[in-house]
């Protein structure tokens, strides 16, 4: 078994376990597990179906499973994450109408790949979630209404209180400027929710907070540090400069609530 194959197996097992750890209820179905967080129904990433391998499974079958499992839970959205075999489903989901497909790459840190040796542009410190809440709300608020952004930030705060999240903050000009979070278990550290406030972009703060999270992961003994990125988004290039390399990808399919 090659190193890459082993990484794939570990990362896919971690991804499913990640959801099971963070959510309130799980329900097995034929192709994976459905996870639910009733306290935060608008947090789609904590209320979804995780499909282990969709090889040979049709989009119609998975859409029916989402309806059967998510509708009784009172969820207005529908979402599935397909860890393997998702590319073949894109046409079927798009033909069903109302569904959007996203390709997410899984990137792993390669030791020694980040050799730039830059002086950090600002001090980064570990903080409680409340110190970064404003930044997280700004981040969500760039793509949704303020009330929705606040709801999602409340969900993140609850997750942080459960002890699953470590938060890192960089300040600039006397105000919160950039942040990220560190999740993970069983030797895998996951850097998550990297964000820089609009007026502070371009100063290297995102790199600084990510580097600090990486150091924290290594300090606690993680032998694998990973990050997720939209396959079509620019942050992937930033993470590559910091030493991350793409080792896997999965598909997510989402149908937004009516209206």
Protein backbone atom coordinates (compact mmCIF):
# COMPACT_ATOMS: atom_id res chain seq x y z
CA UNK A 1 0.00 0.00 0.00
CA UNK A 2 1.48 3.37 -1.03
CA UNK A 3 1.72 6.43 1.18
CA UNK A 4 -0.94 8.19 -0.91
CA UNK A 5 -3.34 5.25 -0.61
CA UNK A 6 -2.85 5.19 3.14
CA UNK A 7 -3.47 8.93 3.34
CA UNK A 8 -6.66 8.58 1.31
CA UNK A 9 -7.96 5.89 3.64
CA UNK A 10 -7.08 7.86 6.77
CA UNK A 11 -8.49 11.13 5.48
CA UNK A 12 -11.77 9.64 4.26
CA UNK A 13 -12.25 7.77 7.53
CA UNK A 14 -11.43 10.97 9.41
CA UNK A 15 -13.90 12.99 7.34
CA UNK A 16 -16.79 10.71 8.24
CA UNK A 17 -15.72 10.51 11.90
CA UNK A 18 -15.38 14.32 11.94
CA UNK A 19 -19.07 14.73 11.19
CA UNK A 20 -20.10 12.02 13.62
CA UNK A 21 -18.11 13.71 16.38
CA UNK A 22 -19.44 17.22 15.78
CA UNK A 23 -23.11 16.42 15.25
CA UNK A 24 -25.86 15.45 17.66
CA UNK A 25 -27.43 12.46 15.93
CA UNK A 26 -26.44 9.98 13.25
CA UNK A 27 -28.47 7.55 11.18
CA UNK A 28 -26.92 4.90 8.97
CA UNK A 29 -28.33 4.33 5.48
CA UNK A 30 -27.36 2.11 2.58
CA UNK A 31 -24.53 4.31 1.29
CA UNK A 32 -23.18 6.04 4.38
CA UNK A 33 -24.43 8.03 7.33
CA UNK A 34 -26.83 10.93 7.78
CA UNK A 35 -25.80 13.42 10.46
CA UNK A 36 -28.06 15.91 12.23
CA UNK A 37 -27.67 18.88 14.55
CA UNK A 38 -31.23 19.86 15.50
CA UNK A 39 -30.11 22.89 17.50
CA UNK A 40 -28.66 24.45 14.34
CA UNK A 41 -30.72 23.37 11.31
CA UNK A 42 -29.36 26.19 9.13
CA UNK A 43 -25.78 24.96 9.53
CA UNK A 44 -25.82 22.79 6.41
CA UNK A 45 -22.35 21.40 7.07
CA UNK A 46 -23.66 19.80 10.28
CA UNK A 47 -26.87 18.49 8.72
CA UNK A 48 -26.08 16.35 5.69
CA UNK A 49 -25.62 12.87 4.25
CA UNK A 50 -22.06 11.58 4.06
CA UNK A 51 -21.70 9.02 1.25
CA UNK A 52 -18.63 6.81 1.54
CA UNK A 53 -18.52 5.62 -2.07
CA UNK A 54 -21.08 6.39 -4.76
CA UNK A 55 -19.63 4.11 -7.42
CA UNK A 56 -22.56 2.51 -9.23
CA UNK A 57 -25.13 4.63 -7.35
CA UNK A 58 -27.37 7.05 -9.24
CA UNK A 59 -28.04 10.67 -8.37
CA UNK A 60 -31.75 9.82 -8.20
CA UNK A 61 -31.10 7.21 -5.52
CA UNK A 62 -29.15 9.65 -3.38
CA UNK A 63 -31.67 12.45 -3.88
CA UNK A 64 -34.41 10.09 -2.70
CA UNK A 65 -32.30 9.17 0.35
CA UNK A 66 -31.80 12.84 1.21
CA UNK A 67 -35.54 13.46 0.97
CA UNK A 68 -36.36 10.42 3.07
CA UNK A 69 -33.89 11.27 5.81
CA UNK A 70 -33.76 15.06 5.90
CA UNK A 71 -37.41 15.98 5.36
CA UNK A 72 -38.68 14.29 8.58
CA UNK A 73 -35.98 16.17 10.49
CA UNK A 74 -37.56 19.46 9.43
CA UNK A 75 -34.56 20.51 7.34
CA UNK A 76 -35.37 22.88 4.51
CA UNK A 77 -32.13 22.33 2.63
CA UNK A 78 -30.76 19.10 1.19
CA UNK A 79 -27.06 18.32 1.21
CA UNK A 80 -24.83 15.34 0.50
CA UNK A 81 -21.08 14.94 0.65
CA UNK A 82 -19.69 12.17 -1.54
CA UNK A 83 -16.21 11.07 -0.51
CA UNK A 84 -15.60 8.84 -3.55
CA UNK A 85 -17.29 8.43 -6.92
CA UNK A 86 -18.92 11.84 -6.91
CA UNK A 87 -17.75 13.12 -10.28
CA UNK A 88 -20.04 10.69 -12.11
CA UNK A 89 -23.04 12.15 -10.28
CA UNK A 90 -22.71 15.77 -11.34
CA UNK A 91 -24.84 15.53 -14.48
CA UNK A 92 -27.58 13.63 -12.63
CA UNK A 93 -27.83 16.19 -9.83
CA UNK A 94 -27.81 19.11 -12.26
CA UNK A 95 -30.52 17.44 -14.35
CA UNK A 96 -32.69 17.08 -11.24
CA UNK A 97 -32.92 20.87 -10.99
CA UNK A 98 -32.16 23.09 -8.03
CA UNK A 99 -28.95 21.31 -7.05
CA UNK A 100 -25.47 22.80 -7.14
CA UNK A 101 -22.30 20.74 -7.27
CA UNK A 102 -19.01 21.71 -5.66
CA UNK A 103 -15.63 20.04 -5.91
CA UNK A 104 -13.49 20.32 -2.80
CA UNK A 105 -9.83 19.38 -2.73
CA UNK A 106 -8.16 17.78 0.28
CA UNK A 107 -4.68 19.20 0.81
CA UNK A 108 -1.99 17.74 3.08
CA UNK A 109 1.04 19.56 4.44
CA UNK A 110 4.35 18.25 3.14
CA UNK A 111 7.13 18.74 5.65
CA UNK A 112 9.75 21.24 4.58
CA UNK A 113 7.71 22.53 1.64
CA UNK A 114 7.22 26.01 3.16
CA UNK A 115 10.73 27.45 2.96
CA UNK A 116 10.06 31.18 2.61
CA UNK A 117 11.08 32.01 6.18
CA UNK A 118 9.11 35.23 6.29
CA UNK A 119 8.94 37.35 9.42
CA UNK A 120 5.32 37.19 10.68
CA UNK A 121 3.52 40.46 9.84
CA UNK A 122 1.70 40.37 13.18
CA UNK A 123 1.61 38.44 16.40
CA UNK A 124 -0.78 35.49 16.35
CA UNK A 125 -2.23 34.18 19.60
CA UNK A 126 -4.57 31.42 20.60
CA UNK A 127 -7.90 32.75 21.87
CA UNK A 128 -11.40 31.65 22.75
CA UNK A 129 -14.08 31.68 20.08
CA UNK A 130 -15.62 34.92 21.32
CA UNK A 131 -12.47 36.77 20.27
CA UNK A 132 -12.95 35.74 16.62
CA UNK A 133 -16.76 35.72 16.54
CA UNK A 134 -16.91 39.13 14.85
CA UNK A 135 -14.57 38.01 12.07
CA UNK A 136 -16.54 34.80 11.53
CA UNK A 137 -19.78 36.78 11.24
CA UNK A 138 -18.09 39.07 8.71
CA UNK A 139 -17.00 36.05 6.71
CA UNK A 140 -20.48 34.52 6.62
CA UNK A 141 -21.97 37.95 5.99
CA UNK A 142 -20.13 38.24 2.68
CA UNK A 143 -22.49 35.67 1.15
CA UNK A 144 -25.67 35.82 3.26
CA UNK A 145 -27.92 38.04 5.34
CA UNK A 146 -26.71 39.30 8.72
CA UNK A 147 -29.25 37.24 10.67
CA UNK A 148 -28.14 34.05 8.93
CA UNK A 149 -24.50 34.91 9.57
CA UNK A 150 -25.21 35.34 13.29
CA UNK A 151 -27.00 31.98 13.43
CA UNK A 152 -24.03 30.20 11.89
CA UNK A 153 -21.62 31.94 14.24
CA UNK A 154 -23.72 30.71 17.18
CA UNK A 155 -23.40 27.17 15.81
CA UNK A 156 -19.62 27.57 15.57
CA UNK A 157 -19.52 28.88 19.14
CA UNK A 158 -21.35 25.79 20.37
CA UNK A 159 -18.88 23.53 18.58
CA UNK A 160 -15.98 25.43 20.11
CA UNK A 161 -17.46 25.09 23.59
CA UNK A 162 -17.59 21.33 23.11
CA UNK A 163 -13.80 21.36 22.99
CA UNK A 164 -13.46 20.41 19.33
CA UNK A 165 -11.99 23.72 18.15
CA UNK A 166 -8.90 25.82 18.81
CA UNK A 167 -8.93 29.41 17.55
CA UNK A 168 -6.07 31.65 16.43
CA UNK A 169 -6.23 35.42 15.96
CA UNK A 170 -4.00 38.08 14.40
CA UNK A 171 -4.69 41.73 15.20
CA UNK A 172 -3.70 44.75 13.17
CA UNK A 173 -4.19 48.44 13.85
CA UNK A 174 -5.68 47.50 17.20
CA UNK A 175 -8.49 45.34 15.86
CA UNK A 176 -9.15 41.67 14.97
CA UNK A 177 -7.84 41.20 11.45
CA UNK A 178 -7.45 37.50 10.61
CA UNK A 179 -8.25 34.15 12.14
CA UNK A 180 -8.38 30.43 11.60
CA UNK A 181 -9.38 27.36 13.56
CA UNK A 182 -7.77 24.00 14.25
CA UNK A 183 -9.83 20.83 14.55
CA UNK A 184 -8.89 17.19 14.38
CA UNK A 185 -8.17 14.02 16.33
CA UNK A 186 -6.35 10.69 16.01
CA UNK A 187 -3.19 12.31 14.71
CA UNK A 188 -4.88 14.46 12.05
CA UNK A 189 -5.00 18.23 12.39
CA UNK A 190 -7.50 20.12 10.24
CA UNK A 191 -6.98 23.84 9.63
CA UNK A 192 -10.37 25.40 9.06
CA UNK A 193 -12.21 28.71 8.48
CA UNK A 194 -9.26 30.84 7.42
CA UNK A 195 -10.45 34.43 7.07
CA UNK A 196 -8.99 37.92 6.80
CA UNK A 197 -11.15 41.04 7.17
CA UNK A 198 -11.40 43.00 3.90
CA UNK A 199 -9.41 46.04 5.01
CA UNK A 200 -6.49 43.90 6.19
CA UNK A 201 -6.05 41.68 3.14
CA UNK A 202 -2.77 41.52 1.31
CA UNK A 203 -0.62 41.84 4.44
CA UNK A 204 0.17 38.15 4.89
CA UNK A 205 -2.08 37.67 7.90
CA UNK A 206 -3.80 34.55 6.56
CA UNK A 207 -0.42 32.89 6.14
CA UNK A 208 0.52 33.89 9.67
CA UNK A 209 -2.54 32.38 11.34
CA UNK A 210 -2.31 29.18 9.27
CA UNK A 211 1.36 28.75 10.18
CA UNK A 212 0.50 29.15 13.86
CA UNK A 213 -2.25 26.53 13.60
CA UNK A 214 0.18 24.16 11.88
CA UNK A 215 2.69 24.64 14.69
CA UNK A 216 -0.04 23.92 17.26
CA UNK A 217 -1.01 20.72 15.41
CA UNK A 218 2.59 19.53 15.41
CA UNK A 219 3.01 20.44 19.07
CA UNK A 220 0.10 18.21 20.06
CA UNK A 221 1.57 15.36 18.02
CA UNK A 222 -0.46 15.36 14.79
CA UNK A 223 1.48 13.56 12.05
CA UNK A 224 -0.91 14.65 9.28
CA UNK A 225 -2.05 18.26 8.83
CA UNK A 226 -4.73 18.95 6.25
CA UNK A 227 -6.92 21.69 4.90
CA UNK A 228 -9.91 21.76 2.53
CA UNK A 229 -10.25 24.19 -0.36
CA UNK A 230 -12.75 24.92 -3.11
CA UNK A 231 -11.21 23.49 -6.26
CA UNK A 232 -12.12 26.68 -8.13
CA UNK A 233 -11.14 29.16 -5.42
CA UNK A 234 -7.97 31.25 -5.05
CA UNK A 235 -7.17 30.13 -1.43
CA UNK A 236 -5.91 26.85 -2.87
CA UNK A 237 -2.91 28.78 -4.27
CA UNK A 238 -2.19 30.32 -0.87
CA UNK A 239 -2.19 26.90 0.79
CA UNK A 240 0.15 25.55 -1.88
CA UNK A 241 2.63 28.33 -1.07
CA UNK A 242 2.45 27.28 2.57
CA UNK A 243 3.39 23.71 1.71
CA UNK A 244 0.05 21.97 1.23
CA UNK A 245 -0.40 19.58 -1.69
CA UNK A 246 -3.64 18.14 -3.09
CA UNK A 247 -4.00 14.43 -2.37
CA UNK A 248 -7.73 13.82 -2.79
CA UNK A 249 -11.02 15.45 -3.73
CA UNK A 250 -14.69 14.91 -3.05
CA UNK A 251 -18.00 16.28 -4.26
CA UNK A 252 -20.75 18.00 -2.34
CA UNK A 253 -24.27 18.50 -3.68
CA UNK A 254 -26.61 21.08 -2.19
CA UNK A 255 -30.19 22.15 -2.77
CA UNK A 256 -30.90 25.45 -1.06
CA UNK A 257 -34.18 26.05 0.80
CA UNK A 258 -37.05 27.39 -1.31
CA UNK A 259 -36.99 31.17 -1.62
